[in-house]
Amino acid sequence: MEQGVAYLAPFVMNPEKWNKKQIERFEGGHTFFLALAGLGFPSGEYINLHRKLSKRDGTWPLLVEMILDTR
């Protein structure tokens, strides 16, 4: 899992660098997987990346933010 997140993280931060076939339009607000990876992996790097991205309204993003705030 960590290798997959490490592979995708640079493209999440700079989507224009993605040179593979794009199946659907990338929406940066749906990337709270970075925050969850930051909670599960030893490095806090992914939480910092998550906080740099624009946030979306909704239940899942709110829940993730609540979890991060209790850390």
C-alpha atoms as a PDB file:
ATOM      1  CA  MET A   1       0.000   0.000   0.000  1.00  0.00           C
ATOM      2  CA  GLU A   2       2.722   2.419   0.929  1.00  0.00           C
ATOM      3  CA  GLN A   3       4.429   1.961  -2.446  1.00  0.00           C
ATOM      4  CA  GLY A   4       1.154   2.727  -4.230  1.00  0.00           C
ATOM      5  CA  VAL A   5       0.597   5.910  -2.241  1.00  0.00           C
ATOM      6  CA  ALA A   6       4.220   6.952  -2.777  1.00  0.00           C
ATOM      7  CA  TYR A   7       3.752   6.459  -6.521  1.00  0.00           C
ATOM      8  CA  LEU A   8       0.519   8.482  -6.711  1.00  0.00           C
ATOM      9  CA  ALA A   9       1.341  11.323  -4.302  1.00  0.00           C
ATOM     10  CA  PRO A  10       3.489  13.377  -6.724  1.00  0.00           C
ATOM     11  CA  PHE A  11       0.750  13.183  -9.361  1.00  0.00           C
ATOM     12  CA  VAL A  12      -1.913  14.225  -6.865  1.00  0.00           C
ATOM     13  CA  MET A  13       0.130  17.298  -6.048  1.00  0.00           C
ATOM     14  CA  ASN A  14       0.883  18.025  -9.754  1.00  0.00           C
ATOM     15  CA  PRO A  15      -1.801  16.333 -11.891  1.00  0.00           C
ATOM     16  CA  GLU A  16      -0.381  17.800 -15.103  1.00  0.00           C
ATOM     17  CA  LYS A  17       2.616  15.456 -14.738  1.00  0.00           C
ATOM     18  CA  TRP A  18       0.373  12.384 -15.166  1.00  0.00           C
ATOM     19  CA  ASN A  19       1.230  10.975 -18.605  1.00  0.00           C
ATOM     20  CA  LYS A  20      -0.906   7.827 -18.495  1.00  0.00           C
ATOM     21  CA  LYS A  21      -4.398   7.475 -19.944  1.00  0.00           C
ATOM     22  CA  GLN A  22      -6.851   9.433 -17.802  1.00  0.00           C
ATOM     23  CA  ILE A  23     -10.044   7.429 -17.205  1.00  0.00           C
ATOM     24  CA  GLU A  24     -12.010  10.294 -15.686  1.00  0.00           C
ATOM     25  CA  ARG A  25     -11.343  13.900 -14.760  1.00  0.00           C
ATOM     26  CA  PHE A  26      -9.107  14.284 -11.709  1.00  0.00           C
ATOM     27  CA  GLU A  27     -10.701  16.105  -8.785  1.00  0.00           C
ATOM     28  CA  GLY A  28      -8.192  17.105  -6.130  1.00  0.00           C
ATOM     29  CA  GLY A  29     -10.773  17.359  -3.363  1.00  0.00           C
ATOM     30  CA  HIS A  30     -11.240  13.584  -3.281  1.00  0.00           C
ATOM     31  CA  THR A  31      -7.720  12.843  -2.176  1.00  0.00           C
ATOM     32  CA  PHE A  32      -8.262  12.306   1.533  1.00  0.00           C
ATOM     33  CA  PHE A  33      -6.554   8.928   1.050  1.00  0.00           C
ATOM     34  CA  LEU A  34      -3.337  10.883   1.647  1.00  0.00           C
ATOM     35  CA  ALA A  35      -4.511  11.801   5.137  1.00  0.00           C
ATOM     36  CA  LEU A  36      -5.480   8.198   5.875  1.00  0.00           C
ATOM     37  CA  ALA A  37      -2.092   7.024   4.585  1.00  0.00           C
ATOM     38  CA  GLY A  38      -0.449   9.552   6.878  1.00  0.00           C
ATOM     39  CA  LEU A  39      -2.296   8.065   9.831  1.00  0.00           C
ATOM     40  CA  GLY A  40      -1.322   4.519   8.907  1.00  0.00           C
ATOM     41  CA  PHE A  41       2.276   4.941   7.774  1.00  0.00           C
ATOM     42  CA  PRO A  42       5.156   6.038  10.017  1.00  0.00           C
ATOM     43  CA  SER A  43       5.840   9.299   8.182  1.00  0.00           C
ATOM     44  CA  GLY A  44       3.554  12.311   8.632  1.00  0.00           C
ATOM     45  CA  GLU A  45       4.473  13.468   5.126  1.00  0.00           C
ATOM     46  CA  TYR A  46       1.152  12.423   3.606  1.00  0.00           C
ATOM     47  CA  ILE A  47      -0.876  14.371   6.166  1.00  0.00           C
ATOM     48  CA  ASN A  48       1.107  17.476   5.241  1.00  0.00           C
ATOM     49  CA  LEU A  49       0.432  16.862   1.537  1.00  0.00           C
ATOM     50  CA  HIS A  50      -3.270  16.381   2.258  1.00  0.00           C
ATOM     51  CA  ARG A  51      -3.437  19.694   4.084  1.00  0.00           C
ATOM     52  CA  LYS A  52      -1.940  21.509   1.070  1.00  0.00           C
ATOM     53  CA  LEU A  53      -4.775  20.372  -1.216  1.00  0.00           C
ATOM     54  CA  SER A  54      -8.150  22.056  -1.592  1.00  0.00           C
ATOM     55  CA  LYS A  55     -10.882  20.483   0.471  1.00  0.00           C
ATOM     56  CA  ARG A  56     -14.392  19.462  -0.513  1.00  0.00           C
ATOM     57  CA  ASP A  57     -17.515  19.602   1.551  1.00  0.00           C
ATOM     58  CA  GLY A  58     -19.094  16.345   2.557  1.00  0.00           C
ATOM     59  CA  THR A  59     -19.221  13.672   5.195  1.00  0.00           C
ATOM     60  CA  TRP A  60     -15.995  11.800   4.375  1.00  0.00           C
ATOM     61  CA  PRO A  61     -13.745  14.869   4.137  1.00  0.00           C
ATOM     62  CA  LEU A  62     -15.243  16.201   7.380  1.00  0.00           C
ATOM     63  CA  LEU A  63     -14.699  12.884   9.139  1.00  0.00           C
ATOM     64  CA  VAL A  64     -11.083  12.750   7.990  1.00  0.00           C
ATOM     65  CA  GLU A  65     -10.473  16.288   9.256  1.00  0.00           C
ATOM     66  CA  MET A  66     -12.020  15.392  12.624  1.00  0.00           C
ATOM     67  CA  ILE A  67      -9.738  12.361  12.908  1.00  0.00           C
ATOM     68  CA  LEU A  68      -6.682  14.460  12.044  1.00  0.00           C
ATOM     69  CA  ASP A  69      -7.643  17.099  14.606  1.00  0.00           C
ATOM     70  CA  THR A  70      -7.759  14.507  17.406  1.00  0.00           C
ATOM     71  CA  ARG A  71      -4.245  13.318  16.639  1.00  0.00           C
END
